[in-house]
N, C-alpha and C. Protein backbone atom coordinates (compact mmCIF):
# COMPACT_ATOMS: atom_id res chain seq x y z
N MET A 1 26.08 162.78 17.35
CA MET A 1 25.97 161.73 18.61
C MET A 1 25.01 160.58 18.38
N LYS A 2 23.76 160.99 17.69
CA LYS A 2 22.68 160.13 17.31
C LYS A 2 23.26 158.99 16.39
N LYS A 3 24.23 159.54 15.31
CA LYS A 3 24.82 158.68 14.25
C LYS A 3 25.49 157.50 15.05
N THR A 4 26.40 158.20 16.00
CA THR A 4 27.30 157.11 16.79
C THR A 4 26.27 156.09 17.56
N ILE A 5 25.33 156.51 18.16
CA ILE A 5 24.33 155.52 18.92
C ILE A 5 23.73 154.47 18.05
N ILE A 6 23.30 154.99 16.83
CA ILE A 6 22.68 154.12 16.16
C ILE A 6 23.78 153.03 15.50
N ALA A 7 24.85 153.63 15.14
CA ALA A 7 26.02 152.60 14.61
C ALA A 7 26.27 151.66 15.57
N ALA A 8 26.46 152.19 16.94
CA ALA A 8 26.83 151.24 18.05
C ALA A 8 25.73 150.17 18.25
N LEU A 9 24.48 150.59 18.09
CA LEU A 9 23.30 149.63 18.26
C LEU A 9 23.51 148.39 17.22
N LEU A 10 23.51 149.04 16.02
CA LEU A 10 23.69 148.17 14.93
C LEU A 10 24.83 147.10 14.87
N LEU A 11 25.95 147.65 15.25
CA LEU A 11 27.09 146.88 15.27
C LEU A 11 27.18 145.93 16.45
N GLY A 12 26.73 146.45 17.53
CA GLY A 12 26.61 145.69 18.70
C GLY A 12 25.63 144.43 18.55
N SER A 13 24.80 144.86 17.95
CA SER A 13 23.61 143.69 17.53
C SER A 13 24.17 142.70 16.57
N ALA A 14 24.99 143.12 15.83
CA ALA A 14 25.68 142.33 14.69
C ALA A 14 26.75 141.47 15.42
N ALA A 15 27.63 141.97 16.24
CA ALA A 15 28.68 141.30 16.97
C ALA A 15 27.80 140.26 17.93
N GLY A 16 26.80 140.53 18.48
CA GLY A 16 25.95 139.53 19.31
C GLY A 16 25.36 138.65 18.55
N ALA A 17 25.11 138.69 17.23
CA ALA A 17 24.32 137.67 16.40
C ALA A 17 25.29 136.31 16.25
N HIS A 18 24.61 135.45 16.09
CA HIS A 18 25.37 134.12 16.14
C HIS A 18 24.91 133.32 14.93
N ALA A 19 25.89 132.43 14.45
CA ALA A 19 25.43 131.36 13.46
C ALA A 19 25.13 130.17 13.94
N ASP A 20 24.18 129.55 13.77
CA ASP A 20 24.14 128.15 14.30
C ASP A 20 25.19 127.36 13.77
N ALA A 21 25.87 126.53 14.63
CA ALA A 21 26.90 125.58 14.33
C ALA A 21 27.97 126.15 13.56
N ALA A 22 28.44 127.46 13.66
CA ALA A 22 29.48 127.83 12.96
C ALA A 22 30.88 126.88 13.10
N GLY A 23 31.20 126.15 12.41
CA GLY A 23 32.23 125.15 12.46
C GLY A 23 31.57 123.68 12.72
N GLY A 24 30.28 123.69 13.02
CA GLY A 24 29.63 122.39 13.38
C GLY A 24 29.19 122.52 14.66
N PRO A 25 28.16 121.82 15.24
CA PRO A 25 27.92 121.73 16.53
C PRO A 25 29.08 120.99 17.44
N GLY A 26 29.36 121.48 18.53
CA GLY A 26 30.39 120.98 19.46
C GLY A 26 31.75 121.34 18.84
N CYS A 27 32.07 122.29 17.96
CA CYS A 27 33.19 122.47 17.59
C CYS A 27 34.21 123.51 18.55
N GLY A 28 35.15 122.88 18.77
CA GLY A 28 36.27 123.52 19.83
C GLY A 28 36.32 122.87 21.13
N TRP A 29 37.51 123.10 21.72
CA TRP A 29 37.77 122.51 22.90
C TRP A 29 37.00 123.05 23.92
N GLY A 30 36.31 124.32 23.88
CA GLY A 30 35.37 124.79 24.76
C GLY A 30 34.20 124.08 24.77
N ASN A 31 33.70 123.57 23.72
CA ASN A 31 32.52 122.81 23.59
C ASN A 31 32.72 121.37 24.37
N MET A 32 34.05 120.71 24.01
CA MET A 32 34.39 119.60 24.58
C MET A 32 34.55 119.64 25.97
N LEU A 33 35.14 120.70 26.63
CA LEU A 33 35.25 120.86 28.07
C LEU A 33 33.89 120.92 28.74
N PHE A 34 33.01 121.73 28.18
CA PHE A 34 31.80 121.89 28.81
C PHE A 34 30.64 121.19 28.29
N GLU A 35 30.84 120.19 27.50
CA GLU A 35 30.03 119.31 26.83
C GLU A 35 28.78 118.90 27.90
N GLY A 36 27.56 119.04 27.64
CA GLY A 36 26.58 118.56 28.45
C GLY A 36 25.83 119.68 29.29
N GLN A 37 26.78 120.79 29.41
CA GLN A 37 26.39 121.91 30.38
C GLN A 37 25.47 122.76 29.51
N SER A 38 24.61 123.58 30.28
CA SER A 38 23.63 124.49 29.54
C SER A 38 23.77 125.93 30.33
N GLY A 39 23.23 126.84 29.80
CA GLY A 39 23.13 128.14 30.41
C GLY A 39 24.14 129.17 29.76
N MET A 40 23.76 130.35 29.82
CA MET A 40 24.60 131.32 29.43
C MET A 40 26.01 131.33 30.02
N PRO A 41 26.24 131.10 31.36
CA PRO A 41 27.66 131.14 31.85
C PRO A 41 28.59 129.97 31.22
N MET A 42 27.87 128.76 30.81
CA MET A 42 28.74 127.71 30.25
C MET A 42 28.82 128.00 28.72
N HIS A 43 28.05 128.50 28.11
CA HIS A 43 28.35 129.04 26.91
C HIS A 43 29.23 130.08 26.46
N LEU A 44 29.23 130.88 27.52
CA LEU A 44 30.27 132.14 27.46
C LEU A 44 31.83 131.60 27.84
N LEU A 45 31.80 130.70 28.76
CA LEU A 45 33.07 129.98 29.19
C LEU A 45 33.68 129.15 27.86
N ALA A 46 32.71 128.50 27.05
CA ALA A 46 32.99 127.82 26.00
C ALA A 46 33.34 128.65 24.86
N THR A 47 32.77 129.77 24.65
CA THR A 47 33.18 130.52 23.65
C THR A 47 34.51 131.29 23.92
N LEU A 48 34.85 131.71 25.26
CA LEU A 48 36.03 132.19 25.74
C LEU A 48 37.18 131.06 25.45
N VAL A 49 36.97 130.04 25.94
CA VAL A 49 37.98 129.02 25.68
C VAL A 49 38.41 128.80 24.16
N ASN A 50 37.20 128.81 23.34
CA ASN A 50 37.53 128.59 21.83
C ASN A 50 38.18 129.93 21.14
N GLY A 51 37.65 131.10 21.72
CA GLY A 51 38.35 132.23 21.17
C GLY A 51 39.60 132.73 21.67
N THR A 52 40.06 132.39 22.64
CA THR A 52 41.30 132.67 23.23
C THR A 52 42.41 131.81 22.74
N SER A 53 42.10 130.57 22.43
CA SER A 53 43.05 129.54 22.15
C SER A 53 42.92 129.41 20.55
N GLY A 54 42.16 129.97 19.99
CA GLY A 54 42.19 129.80 18.36
C GLY A 54 41.82 128.40 17.92
N ASN A 55 41.38 127.45 18.86
CA ASN A 55 41.14 126.08 18.38
C ASN A 55 40.12 125.91 17.56
N ALA A 56 39.20 126.63 17.66
CA ALA A 56 37.89 126.35 16.89
C ALA A 56 38.36 126.83 15.31
N THR A 57 38.97 127.91 15.21
CA THR A 57 39.43 128.42 13.95
C THR A 57 40.48 127.34 13.35
N PHE A 58 41.37 126.80 14.22
CA PHE A 58 42.19 125.69 13.65
C PHE A 58 41.26 124.41 13.27
N GLY A 59 40.30 124.30 14.12
CA GLY A 59 39.53 123.16 13.87
C GLY A 59 38.82 123.09 12.61
N MET A 60 38.13 124.43 12.21
CA MET A 60 37.45 124.54 11.09
C MET A 60 38.31 124.44 9.74
N THR A 61 39.49 124.85 10.08
CA THR A 61 40.61 124.72 8.97
C THR A 61 40.92 123.52 8.58
N THR A 62 41.17 122.76 9.61
CA THR A 62 41.67 121.21 9.47
C THR A 62 40.73 120.23 9.56
N GLY A 63 39.45 120.59 9.99
CA GLY A 63 38.55 119.57 9.95
C GLY A 63 38.65 118.71 11.37
N THR A 64 39.29 119.21 12.45
CA THR A 64 39.51 118.62 13.74
C THR A 64 38.72 119.35 14.72
N ASN A 65 38.77 118.78 16.05
CA ASN A 65 38.14 119.41 17.10
C ASN A 65 36.66 119.54 16.93
N GLY A 66 36.17 118.41 16.25
CA GLY A 66 34.77 118.35 16.26
C GLY A 66 34.12 119.48 15.22
N CYS A 67 34.98 119.99 14.35
CA CYS A 67 34.48 121.09 13.45
C CYS A 67 34.25 120.59 11.98
N ASP A 68 33.18 120.98 11.52
CA ASP A 68 32.80 120.51 10.09
C ASP A 68 32.23 121.77 9.41
N THR A 69 32.91 122.32 8.42
CA THR A 69 32.35 123.39 7.79
C THR A 69 31.36 123.30 6.49
N SER A 70 31.04 122.04 6.30
CA SER A 70 30.37 121.51 5.07
C SER A 70 28.77 122.02 5.19
N GLY A 71 28.33 122.34 6.38
CA GLY A 71 26.83 122.61 6.41
C GLY A 71 26.51 124.29 6.31
N ALA A 72 25.49 124.61 6.01
CA ALA A 72 25.10 126.01 5.61
C ALA A 72 24.93 126.62 7.10
N LEU A 73 25.41 127.80 7.13
CA LEU A 73 25.03 128.60 8.30
C LEU A 73 23.74 129.14 8.48
N THR A 74 23.30 129.28 9.41
CA THR A 74 21.78 129.71 9.66
C THR A 74 21.80 130.64 10.97
N TYR A 75 20.71 131.53 10.86
CA TYR A 75 20.64 132.55 11.96
C TYR A 75 19.26 132.70 12.57
N SER A 76 19.07 132.45 13.72
CA SER A 76 17.68 132.25 14.25
C SER A 76 17.47 133.55 15.21
N GLY A 77 18.04 134.63 15.11
CA GLY A 77 17.88 135.79 15.86
C GLY A 77 16.91 136.75 15.29
N LYS A 78 16.99 137.89 15.88
CA LYS A 78 16.07 138.91 15.48
C LYS A 78 16.68 139.76 14.43
N SER A 79 16.10 140.36 13.51
CA SER A 79 16.69 141.31 12.44
C SER A 79 17.08 142.42 13.02
N LEU A 80 18.19 143.08 12.69
CA LEU A 80 18.82 144.28 13.30
C LEU A 80 17.74 145.44 13.09
N LEU A 81 17.07 145.22 11.94
CA LEU A 81 16.17 146.42 11.63
C LEU A 81 14.61 146.39 12.49
N ALA A 82 14.64 145.25 13.10
CA ALA A 82 13.56 145.10 14.15
C ALA A 82 13.59 145.78 15.39
N MET A 83 14.72 146.21 15.42
CA MET A 83 15.09 146.75 16.90
C MET A 83 14.18 147.98 16.88
N ASN A 84 13.79 148.30 18.22
CA ASN A 84 12.63 149.50 18.47
C ASN A 84 13.08 150.67 17.61
N GLY A 85 12.44 151.13 16.86
CA GLY A 85 12.65 152.71 16.17
C GLY A 85 13.63 152.48 15.05
N VAL A 86 14.51 151.48 15.00
CA VAL A 86 15.52 151.59 13.91
C VAL A 86 14.84 151.52 12.55
N LEU A 87 13.97 150.50 12.28
CA LEU A 87 13.31 150.57 10.96
C LEU A 87 12.62 151.83 10.54
N GLU A 88 12.00 152.69 11.50
CA GLU A 88 11.42 153.96 11.09
C GLU A 88 12.65 154.94 10.74
N GLU A 89 13.64 154.90 11.45
CA GLU A 89 14.78 155.66 11.33
C GLU A 89 15.38 155.61 9.92
N VAL A 90 15.52 154.08 9.53
CA VAL A 90 16.07 153.66 8.32
C VAL A 90 15.15 154.19 7.08
N ALA A 91 13.81 154.03 7.32
CA ALA A 91 12.79 154.28 6.33
C ALA A 91 12.95 155.82 6.07
N MET A 92 12.99 156.74 6.95
CA MET A 92 12.98 158.17 7.05
C MET A 92 14.38 158.63 6.17
N ASP A 93 15.48 158.17 6.58
CA ASP A 93 16.69 158.33 5.96
C ASP A 93 16.68 157.90 4.42
N MET A 94 16.27 156.61 4.14
CA MET A 94 16.32 156.11 2.88
C MET A 94 15.13 157.03 2.00
N ALA A 95 14.31 157.48 2.48
CA ALA A 95 13.12 158.28 1.77
C ALA A 95 14.07 159.75 1.23
N THR A 96 15.08 160.25 2.06
CA THR A 96 15.76 161.52 1.58
C THR A 96 17.07 161.13 1.01
N GLY A 97 17.40 159.83 1.09
CA GLY A 97 18.75 159.46 0.53
C GLY A 97 19.96 159.65 1.19
N GLU A 98 19.72 160.10 2.58
CA GLU A 98 20.85 160.28 3.40
C GLU A 98 20.36 160.29 4.85
N GLY A 99 21.50 160.16 5.66
CA GLY A 99 21.06 160.16 7.24
C GLY A 99 21.96 159.15 7.78
N GLU A 100 21.94 159.36 9.45
CA GLU A 100 22.72 158.60 10.33
C GLU A 100 22.38 157.13 10.30
N ALA A 101 20.86 156.83 10.24
CA ALA A 101 20.33 155.41 10.32
C ALA A 101 20.79 154.74 8.97
N LEU A 102 20.90 155.31 7.81
CA LEU A 102 21.31 154.70 6.49
C LEU A 102 22.83 154.60 6.78
N THR A 103 23.41 155.37 7.09
CA THR A 103 24.80 155.34 7.10
C THR A 103 25.08 154.08 8.09
N ALA A 104 24.57 154.02 9.30
CA ALA A 104 24.78 152.78 10.15
C ALA A 104 24.48 151.55 9.47
N LEU A 105 23.36 151.52 8.70
CA LEU A 105 22.86 150.31 8.07
C LEU A 105 24.16 150.04 7.15
N SER A 106 24.37 150.80 6.43
CA SER A 106 25.66 150.44 5.31
C SER A 106 26.78 149.96 6.04
N VAL A 107 27.11 150.65 7.12
CA VAL A 107 28.37 150.07 8.06
C VAL A 107 28.02 148.60 8.30
N SER A 108 26.72 148.51 8.88
CA SER A 108 26.67 147.11 9.44
C SER A 108 26.64 145.97 8.36
N MET A 109 26.31 146.43 7.05
CA MET A 109 26.32 145.56 6.00
C MET A 109 27.79 145.59 5.27
N GLY A 110 28.62 146.14 5.72
CA GLY A 110 29.97 146.13 5.48
C GLY A 110 30.41 146.73 4.14
N VAL A 111 29.40 147.83 3.85
CA VAL A 111 29.87 148.61 2.53
C VAL A 111 30.97 149.77 3.27
N PRO A 112 32.05 149.74 2.20
CA PRO A 112 33.05 150.71 2.58
C PRO A 112 32.69 152.06 2.44
N ALA A 113 33.41 152.85 3.14
CA ALA A 113 33.06 154.31 3.03
C ALA A 113 33.19 154.90 1.66
N GLU A 114 33.78 154.41 0.65
CA GLU A 114 33.88 155.11 -0.62
C GLU A 114 32.61 154.65 -1.48
N GLU A 115 31.88 153.58 -1.00
CA GLU A 115 30.81 153.25 -1.61
C GLU A 115 29.54 153.60 -0.93
N ARG A 116 29.63 154.30 0.02
CA ARG A 116 28.38 154.59 0.86
C ARG A 116 27.60 155.60 0.09
N ALA A 117 28.08 156.52 -0.58
CA ALA A 117 27.10 157.47 -1.21
C ALA A 117 26.33 156.84 -2.43
N HIS A 118 26.90 155.81 -2.97
CA HIS A 118 26.29 154.87 -3.98
C HIS A 118 25.10 153.96 -3.26
N PHE A 119 25.44 153.59 -2.16
CA PHE A 119 24.62 152.75 -1.48
C PHE A 119 23.32 153.50 -1.11
N ASN A 120 23.62 154.85 -0.50
CA ASN A 120 22.49 155.55 -0.06
C ASN A 120 21.61 156.05 -1.37
N GLN A 121 22.26 156.24 -2.45
CA GLN A 121 21.57 156.64 -3.94
C GLN A 121 20.60 155.40 -4.21
N VAL A 122 21.39 154.22 -4.23
CA VAL A 122 20.63 152.86 -4.74
C VAL A 122 19.37 152.80 -3.70
N MET A 123 19.54 152.97 -2.49
CA MET A 123 18.44 152.49 -1.65
C MET A 123 17.51 153.77 -1.64
N HIS A 124 17.82 155.00 -2.02
CA HIS A 124 16.69 155.85 -2.12
C HIS A 124 15.98 155.79 -3.28
N GLN A 125 16.69 155.33 -4.59
CA GLN A 125 15.97 154.87 -5.68
C GLN A 125 14.95 153.90 -5.49
N ASN A 126 15.42 152.94 -4.78
CA ASN A 126 14.50 151.83 -4.54
C ASN A 126 13.54 151.71 -3.39
N PHE A 127 13.48 153.03 -2.70
CA PHE A 127 12.60 153.13 -1.43
C PHE A 127 11.20 152.49 -1.79
N SER A 128 10.57 152.85 -2.88
CA SER A 128 9.04 152.12 -2.81
C SER A 128 9.13 150.78 -3.02
N ALA A 129 10.15 150.11 -3.36
CA ALA A 129 10.25 148.71 -3.43
C ALA A 129 10.40 147.98 -2.20
N ILE A 130 11.33 148.61 -1.41
CA ILE A 130 11.80 148.32 -0.28
C ILE A 130 10.93 148.42 0.91
N PHE A 131 10.08 149.56 0.92
CA PHE A 131 9.13 149.86 1.79
C PHE A 131 7.90 150.04 0.95
N SER A 132 7.29 148.97 0.52
CA SER A 132 6.22 148.64 -0.45
C SER A 132 4.91 149.05 0.08
N ARG A 133 4.92 149.03 1.53
CA ARG A 133 3.39 149.21 2.17
C ARG A 133 3.67 149.71 3.48
N ASP A 134 2.58 150.31 4.19
CA ASP A 134 2.82 150.91 5.41
C ASP A 134 3.09 149.91 6.60
N ASP A 135 2.57 148.75 6.27
CA ASP A 135 2.77 147.63 7.52
C ASP A 135 3.89 146.64 7.14
N VAL A 136 4.88 146.98 6.36
CA VAL A 136 5.92 146.17 5.98
C VAL A 136 6.80 145.81 7.16
N THR A 137 7.24 144.46 7.27
CA THR A 137 7.88 144.01 8.47
C THR A 137 9.47 144.15 8.28
N ALA A 138 10.28 144.30 9.24
CA ALA A 138 11.69 144.33 9.12
C ALA A 138 12.33 143.25 8.57
N GLY A 139 11.71 141.96 8.34
CA GLY A 139 12.17 140.70 7.58
C GLY A 139 12.02 141.07 6.02
N GLU A 140 10.94 141.67 5.93
CA GLU A 140 10.75 142.14 4.45
C GLU A 140 11.60 143.08 4.07
N VAL A 141 11.64 144.15 4.88
CA VAL A 141 12.58 145.11 4.39
C VAL A 141 14.23 144.75 4.21
N ALA A 142 14.55 143.79 5.15
CA ALA A 142 15.78 143.07 5.14
C ALA A 142 15.99 142.44 3.72
N ASP A 143 15.01 141.66 3.27
CA ASP A 143 15.02 140.74 2.13
C ASP A 143 14.80 141.74 0.90
N GLN A 144 14.27 142.84 1.00
CA GLN A 144 14.36 143.67 -0.16
C GLN A 144 15.59 144.44 -0.41
N ILE A 145 16.00 144.87 0.70
CA ILE A 145 17.29 145.49 0.75
C ILE A 145 18.37 144.54 0.10
N SER A 146 18.43 143.25 0.50
CA SER A 146 19.39 142.43 -0.02
C SER A 146 19.08 142.11 -1.58
N ALA A 147 17.92 142.04 -1.97
CA ALA A 147 17.40 141.93 -3.49
C ALA A 147 18.01 143.19 -4.27
N VAL A 148 17.86 144.48 -3.66
CA VAL A 148 18.35 145.59 -4.36
C VAL A 148 19.72 145.47 -4.37
N MET A 149 20.60 145.05 -3.32
CA MET A 149 21.93 145.15 -3.23
C MET A 149 22.49 144.03 -4.40
N LYS A 150 21.75 142.86 -4.43
CA LYS A 150 22.14 141.92 -5.36
C LYS A 150 22.03 142.37 -6.82
N ALA A 151 21.11 143.13 -6.98
CA ALA A 151 20.73 143.72 -8.32
C ALA A 151 21.87 144.63 -8.96
N ASP A 152 22.52 145.31 -7.88
CA ASP A 152 23.52 146.35 -8.12
C ASP A 152 25.07 145.73 -8.48
N ALA A 153 25.55 146.25 -9.52
CA ALA A 153 26.99 145.63 -9.61
C ALA A 153 27.90 145.90 -8.51
N VAL A 154 27.84 147.17 -7.99
CA VAL A 154 28.71 147.68 -6.99
C VAL A 154 28.53 146.82 -5.49
N LEU A 155 27.25 146.87 -5.27
CA LEU A 155 26.74 146.64 -3.90
C LEU A 155 26.56 145.05 -3.88
N ALA A 156 26.48 144.22 -4.94
CA ALA A 156 26.40 142.90 -4.98
C ALA A 156 27.38 142.11 -4.17
N LYS A 157 28.56 142.73 -4.17
CA LYS A 157 29.83 141.85 -3.55
C LYS A 157 29.55 142.01 -2.14
N HIS A 158 28.71 142.73 -1.53
CA HIS A 158 28.56 142.91 -0.09
C HIS A 158 27.39 141.97 0.39
N ILE A 159 26.83 141.28 -0.18
CA ILE A 159 25.71 140.44 0.18
C ILE A 159 26.11 138.87 0.33
């Protein structure tokens, strides 16, 4: 049950994460229809219009509908690891090389089931580099996990 809750939190947070200007600012009919509006209801309506009609995807593919995919994506939200208690759970599981939080982390990072044992082993072997001090921040942990994954031939493709 605990594993399900952690996975749901991580995946729910990942689904709620957004990239700045995916397809460009003002991309899609929803943005065109609600141009100049602000607030969560307007953003949700614009997203609903873009998502249900598929026009933003079409616009990104064809370079129409105000969409431009030449810019780099950015993320200005809070790290998933920074969620209350998740970092500590990941640290405990990483120290032992197995556990629900570590599995949830691997799932949220797109590691397929057949590679999760390898992910757990690599994270366990690099625990001291990832959690280099007692007051390490979630951002530093995320950066170190990425660095460790990039250095591993199997895991590098998931970064």
